[in-house]
Amino acid sequence: MKISPNQIQHLLKTYGVDRVEKKRDIAPTEKAQKMGNDKVSLSEDARLLQAASKVIRETPELREEMVEKLRQSINDGTYSVSSDKIAEKMLGRNVEDPLKSK
């Protein structure tokens, strides 16, 4: 499964994580100062991916309350899926993401 930058942004918004700052001032280590002027910088996408990964690691793998709620509605016969929502999800990625990136 491919995860687009738009999906990462949505994930970060869902869990209340602000965009990672663009620049970080990191003091070079003593060894790095002696060896030369090498430095590492991460792209904005890499920072977003790093923040999203942190959120994912901290999120429980199984949200018991949500699973139980769905299980109960299926057992009660009240669970229904909107065909519009299914179509929206199926088409959304193919239509929406390319439009947002332009």
N, C-alpha and C. Protein backbone atom coordinates (compact mmCIF):
# COMPACT_ATOMS: atom_id res chain seq x y z
N MET A 1 0.84 -1.17 0.00
CA MET A 1 0.00 0.00 0.00
C MET A 1 0.89 1.23 0.00
N LYS A 2 0.58 2.19 -0.84
CA LYS A 2 1.34 3.42 -0.92
C LYS A 2 0.66 4.49 -0.06
N ILE A 3 1.43 5.20 0.72
CA ILE A 3 0.89 6.25 1.57
C ILE A 3 1.33 7.58 0.98
N SER A 4 0.36 8.41 0.63
CA SER A 4 0.67 9.70 0.02
C SER A 4 0.92 10.76 1.09
N PRO A 5 1.59 11.85 0.72
CA PRO A 5 1.79 12.95 1.68
C PRO A 5 0.47 13.50 2.22
N ASN A 6 -0.58 13.48 1.40
CA ASN A 6 -1.89 13.95 1.86
C ASN A 6 -2.43 13.05 2.97
N GLN A 7 -2.21 11.76 2.85
CA GLN A 7 -2.67 10.84 3.89
C GLN A 7 -1.86 11.03 5.17
N ILE A 8 -0.58 11.32 5.05
CA ILE A 8 0.24 11.57 6.23
C ILE A 8 -0.26 12.82 6.94
N GLN A 9 -0.56 13.88 6.16
CA GLN A 9 -1.09 15.10 6.76
C GLN A 9 -2.40 14.82 7.49
N HIS A 10 -3.27 14.02 6.87
CA HIS A 10 -4.54 13.69 7.51
C HIS A 10 -4.31 12.94 8.82
N LEU A 11 -3.38 11.99 8.80
CA LEU A 11 -3.06 11.23 10.00
C LEU A 11 -2.55 12.14 11.10
N LEU A 12 -1.66 13.05 10.73
CA LEU A 12 -1.11 13.97 11.73
C LEU A 12 -2.20 14.87 12.31
N LYS A 13 -3.11 15.35 11.47
CA LYS A 13 -4.21 16.18 11.96
C LYS A 13 -5.12 15.38 12.88
N THR A 14 -5.37 14.12 12.53
CA THR A 14 -6.24 13.27 13.32
C THR A 14 -5.73 13.13 14.75
N TYR A 15 -4.42 12.98 14.89
CA TYR A 15 -3.84 12.78 16.21
C TYR A 15 -3.29 14.07 16.81
N GLY A 16 -3.61 15.22 16.20
CA GLY A 16 -3.26 16.51 16.77
C GLY A 16 -1.78 16.84 16.74
N VAL A 17 -1.07 16.31 15.75
CA VAL A 17 0.35 16.61 15.63
C VAL A 17 0.51 17.73 14.62
N ASP A 18 1.19 18.81 15.02
CA ASP A 18 1.47 19.90 14.10
C ASP A 18 2.59 19.50 13.17
N ARG A 19 2.66 20.21 12.06
CA ARG A 19 3.76 19.95 11.12
C ARG A 19 5.08 20.12 11.84
N VAL A 20 6.02 19.29 11.49
CA VAL A 20 7.34 19.37 12.10
C VAL A 20 8.02 20.61 11.58
N GLU A 21 8.73 21.31 12.46
CA GLU A 21 9.39 22.54 12.05
C GLU A 21 10.36 22.27 10.91
N LYS A 22 10.55 23.27 10.04
CA LYS A 22 11.36 23.07 8.85
C LYS A 22 12.84 22.93 9.15
N LYS A 23 13.35 23.70 10.11
CA LYS A 23 14.78 23.63 10.40
C LYS A 23 14.98 23.34 11.88
N ARG A 24 15.98 22.56 12.15
CA ARG A 24 16.36 22.27 13.53
C ARG A 24 17.82 22.64 13.68
N ASP A 25 18.14 23.35 14.73
CA ASP A 25 19.52 23.67 15.02
C ASP A 25 20.08 22.57 15.90
N ILE A 26 20.98 21.80 15.33
CA ILE A 26 21.58 20.70 16.07
C ILE A 26 23.08 20.98 16.15
N ALA A 27 23.58 21.04 17.35
CA ALA A 27 25.00 21.30 17.53
C ALA A 27 25.81 20.09 17.07
N PRO A 28 26.82 20.32 16.27
CA PRO A 28 27.65 19.19 15.82
C PRO A 28 28.44 18.60 16.98
N THR A 29 28.65 17.31 16.90
CA THR A 29 29.42 16.65 17.96
C THR A 29 30.88 17.04 17.85
N GLU A 30 31.62 16.80 18.91
CA GLU A 30 33.05 17.14 18.93
C GLU A 30 33.79 16.41 17.82
N LYS A 31 33.45 15.14 17.61
CA LYS A 31 34.12 14.36 16.57
C LYS A 31 33.82 14.94 15.19
N ALA A 32 32.59 15.34 14.96
CA ALA A 32 32.21 15.91 13.66
C ALA A 32 32.95 17.22 13.43
N GLN A 33 33.15 18.01 14.48
CA GLN A 33 33.87 19.27 14.33
C GLN A 33 35.31 19.03 13.91
N LYS A 34 35.91 17.98 14.44
CA LYS A 34 37.30 17.68 14.10
C LYS A 34 37.43 17.11 12.70
N MET A 35 36.41 16.39 12.24
CA MET A 35 36.52 15.68 10.96
C MET A 35 36.21 16.56 9.76
N GLY A 36 35.37 17.56 9.91
CA GLY A 36 35.06 18.38 8.75
C GLY A 36 33.71 19.04 8.88
N ASN A 37 33.18 19.42 7.75
CA ASN A 37 31.93 20.18 7.74
C ASN A 37 30.74 19.36 7.24
N ASP A 38 30.76 18.08 7.44
CA ASP A 38 29.64 17.26 7.01
C ASP A 38 28.41 17.59 7.84
N LYS A 39 27.25 17.58 7.20
CA LYS A 39 26.01 17.78 7.93
C LYS A 39 24.88 17.04 7.22
N VAL A 40 23.85 16.78 7.97
CA VAL A 40 22.70 16.06 7.45
C VAL A 40 21.48 16.95 7.59
N SER A 41 20.67 16.97 6.54
CA SER A 41 19.40 17.70 6.64
C SER A 41 18.31 16.83 6.04
N LEU A 42 17.17 16.85 6.69
CA LEU A 42 16.05 16.03 6.24
C LEU A 42 15.06 16.90 5.47
N SER A 43 14.45 16.32 4.46
CA SER A 43 13.44 17.04 3.71
C SER A 43 12.16 17.16 4.54
N GLU A 44 11.29 18.04 4.12
CA GLU A 44 10.01 18.22 4.82
C GLU A 44 9.22 16.90 4.82
N ASP A 45 9.24 16.18 3.71
CA ASP A 45 8.53 14.90 3.64
C ASP A 45 9.12 13.89 4.63
N ALA A 46 10.44 13.90 4.76
CA ALA A 46 11.07 12.98 5.71
C ALA A 46 10.67 13.32 7.14
N ARG A 47 10.60 14.61 7.45
CA ARG A 47 10.18 15.02 8.79
C ARG A 47 8.73 14.62 9.05
N LEU A 48 7.87 14.80 8.05
CA LEU A 48 6.47 14.40 8.20
C LEU A 48 6.36 12.90 8.42
N LEU A 49 7.13 12.16 7.65
CA LEU A 49 7.11 10.70 7.79
C LEU A 49 7.61 10.30 9.17
N GLN A 50 8.62 10.98 9.68
CA GLN A 50 9.15 10.70 11.00
C GLN A 50 8.09 10.97 12.07
N ALA A 51 7.38 12.10 11.95
CA ALA A 51 6.33 12.43 12.92
C ALA A 51 5.18 11.43 12.84
N ALA A 52 4.80 11.05 11.61
CA ALA A 52 3.72 10.08 11.44
C ALA A 52 4.12 8.72 12.01
N SER A 53 5.36 8.33 11.80
CA SER A 53 5.84 7.05 12.34
C SER A 53 5.78 7.05 13.86
N LYS A 54 6.13 8.18 14.47
CA LYS A 54 6.07 8.27 15.93
C LYS A 54 4.64 8.10 16.42
N VAL A 55 3.69 8.76 15.74
CA VAL A 55 2.28 8.65 16.13
C VAL A 55 1.81 7.21 15.98
N ILE A 56 2.19 6.57 14.91
CA ILE A 56 1.78 5.19 14.67
C ILE A 56 2.36 4.26 15.74
N ARG A 57 3.63 4.46 16.09
CA ARG A 57 4.25 3.62 17.13
C ARG A 57 3.56 3.80 18.47
N GLU A 58 3.09 5.00 18.76
CA GLU A 58 2.47 5.28 20.06
C GLU A 58 0.99 4.91 20.11
N THR A 59 0.38 4.65 18.97
CA THR A 59 -1.04 4.31 18.91
C THR A 59 -1.21 2.81 19.14
N PRO A 60 -2.15 2.43 19.99
CA PRO A 60 -2.39 1.00 20.20
C PRO A 60 -2.76 0.32 18.88
N GLU A 61 -2.30 -0.90 18.73
CA GLU A 61 -2.54 -1.60 17.47
C GLU A 61 -4.02 -1.91 17.27
N LEU A 62 -4.73 -2.14 18.35
CA LEU A 62 -6.14 -2.48 18.26
C LEU A 62 -6.93 -1.55 19.17
N ARG A 63 -7.86 -0.82 18.60
CA ARG A 63 -8.69 0.08 19.41
C ARG A 63 -9.92 -0.70 19.84
N GLU A 64 -9.82 -1.25 21.03
CA GLU A 64 -10.84 -2.17 21.55
C GLU A 64 -12.24 -1.58 21.53
N GLU A 65 -12.38 -0.30 21.95
CA GLU A 65 -13.72 0.29 22.02
C GLU A 65 -14.36 0.38 20.63
N MET A 66 -13.55 0.68 19.62
CA MET A 66 -14.09 0.77 18.26
C MET A 66 -14.47 -0.62 17.74
N VAL A 67 -13.63 -1.60 18.00
CA VAL A 67 -13.91 -2.96 17.56
C VAL A 67 -15.20 -3.47 18.21
N GLU A 68 -15.34 -3.22 19.50
CA GLU A 68 -16.54 -3.68 20.22
C GLU A 68 -17.80 -2.99 19.70
N LYS A 69 -17.71 -1.71 19.42
CA LYS A 69 -18.85 -0.97 18.88
C LYS A 69 -19.28 -1.53 17.52
N LEU A 70 -18.30 -1.81 16.65
CA LEU A 70 -18.61 -2.40 15.34
C LEU A 70 -19.19 -3.81 15.49
N ARG A 71 -18.57 -4.59 16.37
CA ARG A 71 -19.05 -5.96 16.59
C ARG A 71 -20.51 -5.94 17.05
N GLN A 72 -20.83 -5.03 17.96
CA GLN A 72 -22.19 -4.94 18.48
C GLN A 72 -23.18 -4.54 17.39
N SER A 73 -22.81 -3.56 16.56
CA SER A 73 -23.73 -3.14 15.51
C SER A 73 -23.92 -4.22 14.45
N ILE A 74 -22.88 -5.01 14.18
CA ILE A 74 -23.02 -6.14 13.25
C ILE A 74 -23.95 -7.19 13.84
N ASN A 75 -23.75 -7.51 15.11
CA ASN A 75 -24.60 -8.50 15.77
C ASN A 75 -26.05 -8.04 15.86
N ASP A 76 -26.27 -6.73 16.07
CA ASP A 76 -27.63 -6.18 16.15
C ASP A 76 -28.29 -6.06 14.79
N GLY A 77 -27.49 -6.16 13.74
CA GLY A 77 -28.03 -5.98 12.39
C GLY A 77 -28.21 -4.52 12.01
N THR A 78 -27.58 -3.62 12.76
CA THR A 78 -27.72 -2.19 12.48
C THR A 78 -26.54 -1.63 11.70
N TYR A 79 -25.54 -2.45 11.43
CA TYR A 79 -24.36 -1.98 10.68
C TYR A 79 -24.70 -1.89 9.21
N SER A 80 -24.47 -0.72 8.63
CA SER A 80 -24.70 -0.56 7.19
C SER A 80 -23.56 0.24 6.60
N VAL A 81 -23.28 -0.03 5.36
CA VAL A 81 -22.22 0.66 4.65
C VAL A 81 -22.84 1.47 3.54
N SER A 82 -22.51 2.74 3.49
CA SER A 82 -23.02 3.62 2.45
C SER A 82 -22.29 3.35 1.14
N SER A 83 -23.04 3.08 0.09
CA SER A 83 -22.41 2.85 -1.22
C SER A 83 -21.70 4.11 -1.69
N ASP A 84 -22.22 5.27 -1.32
CA ASP A 84 -21.56 6.52 -1.68
C ASP A 84 -20.18 6.62 -1.02
N LYS A 85 -20.09 6.22 0.24
CA LYS A 85 -18.81 6.26 0.95
C LYS A 85 -17.81 5.28 0.33
N ILE A 86 -18.29 4.11 -0.06
CA ILE A 86 -17.42 3.12 -0.69
C ILE A 86 -16.87 3.68 -1.99
N ALA A 87 -17.75 4.24 -2.81
CA ALA A 87 -17.33 4.81 -4.09
C ALA A 87 -16.37 5.98 -3.87
N GLU A 88 -16.66 6.79 -2.88
CA GLU A 88 -15.80 7.94 -2.57
C GLU A 88 -14.39 7.49 -2.21
N LYS A 89 -14.28 6.46 -1.39
CA LYS A 89 -12.98 5.96 -0.99
C LYS A 89 -12.25 5.30 -2.16
N MET A 90 -12.99 4.58 -3.00
CA MET A 90 -12.37 3.91 -4.14
C MET A 90 -11.83 4.92 -5.14
N LEU A 91 -12.58 5.96 -5.40
CA LEU A 91 -12.20 6.94 -6.40
C LEU A 91 -11.36 8.08 -5.84
N GLY A 92 -11.51 8.35 -4.57
CA GLY A 92 -10.87 9.50 -3.96
C GLY A 92 -9.39 9.58 -4.18
N ARG A 93 -8.70 8.51 -3.99
CA ARG A 93 -7.24 8.53 -4.13
C ARG A 93 -6.83 8.78 -5.57
N ASN A 94 -7.54 8.21 -6.51
CA ASN A 94 -7.18 8.37 -7.92
C ASN A 94 -7.51 9.75 -8.44
N VAL A 95 -8.52 10.40 -7.86
CA VAL A 95 -8.94 11.70 -8.35
C VAL A 95 -8.41 12.83 -7.48
N GLU A 96 -8.55 12.70 -6.18
CA GLU A 96 -8.24 13.80 -5.27
C GLU A 96 -6.76 14.07 -5.12
N ASP A 97 -5.94 13.07 -4.89
CA ASP A 97 -4.51 13.28 -4.65
C ASP A 97 -3.82 13.97 -5.83
N PRO A 98 -4.04 13.50 -7.07
CA PRO A 98 -3.37 14.20 -8.18
C PRO A 98 -3.81 15.67 -8.31
N LEU A 99 -5.06 15.97 -7.98
CA LEU A 99 -5.52 17.35 -8.07
C LEU A 99 -4.88 18.22 -7.01
N LYS A 100 -4.70 17.69 -5.82
CA LYS A 100 -4.08 18.46 -4.73
C LYS A 100 -2.60 18.72 -4.96
N SER A 101 -1.95 17.83 -5.66
CA SER A 101 -0.51 18.00 -5.86
C SER A 101 -0.18 18.98 -6.97
N LYS A 102 -1.17 19.44 -7.72
CA LYS A 102 -0.90 20.39 -8.82
C LYS A 102 -0.84 21.79 -8.33
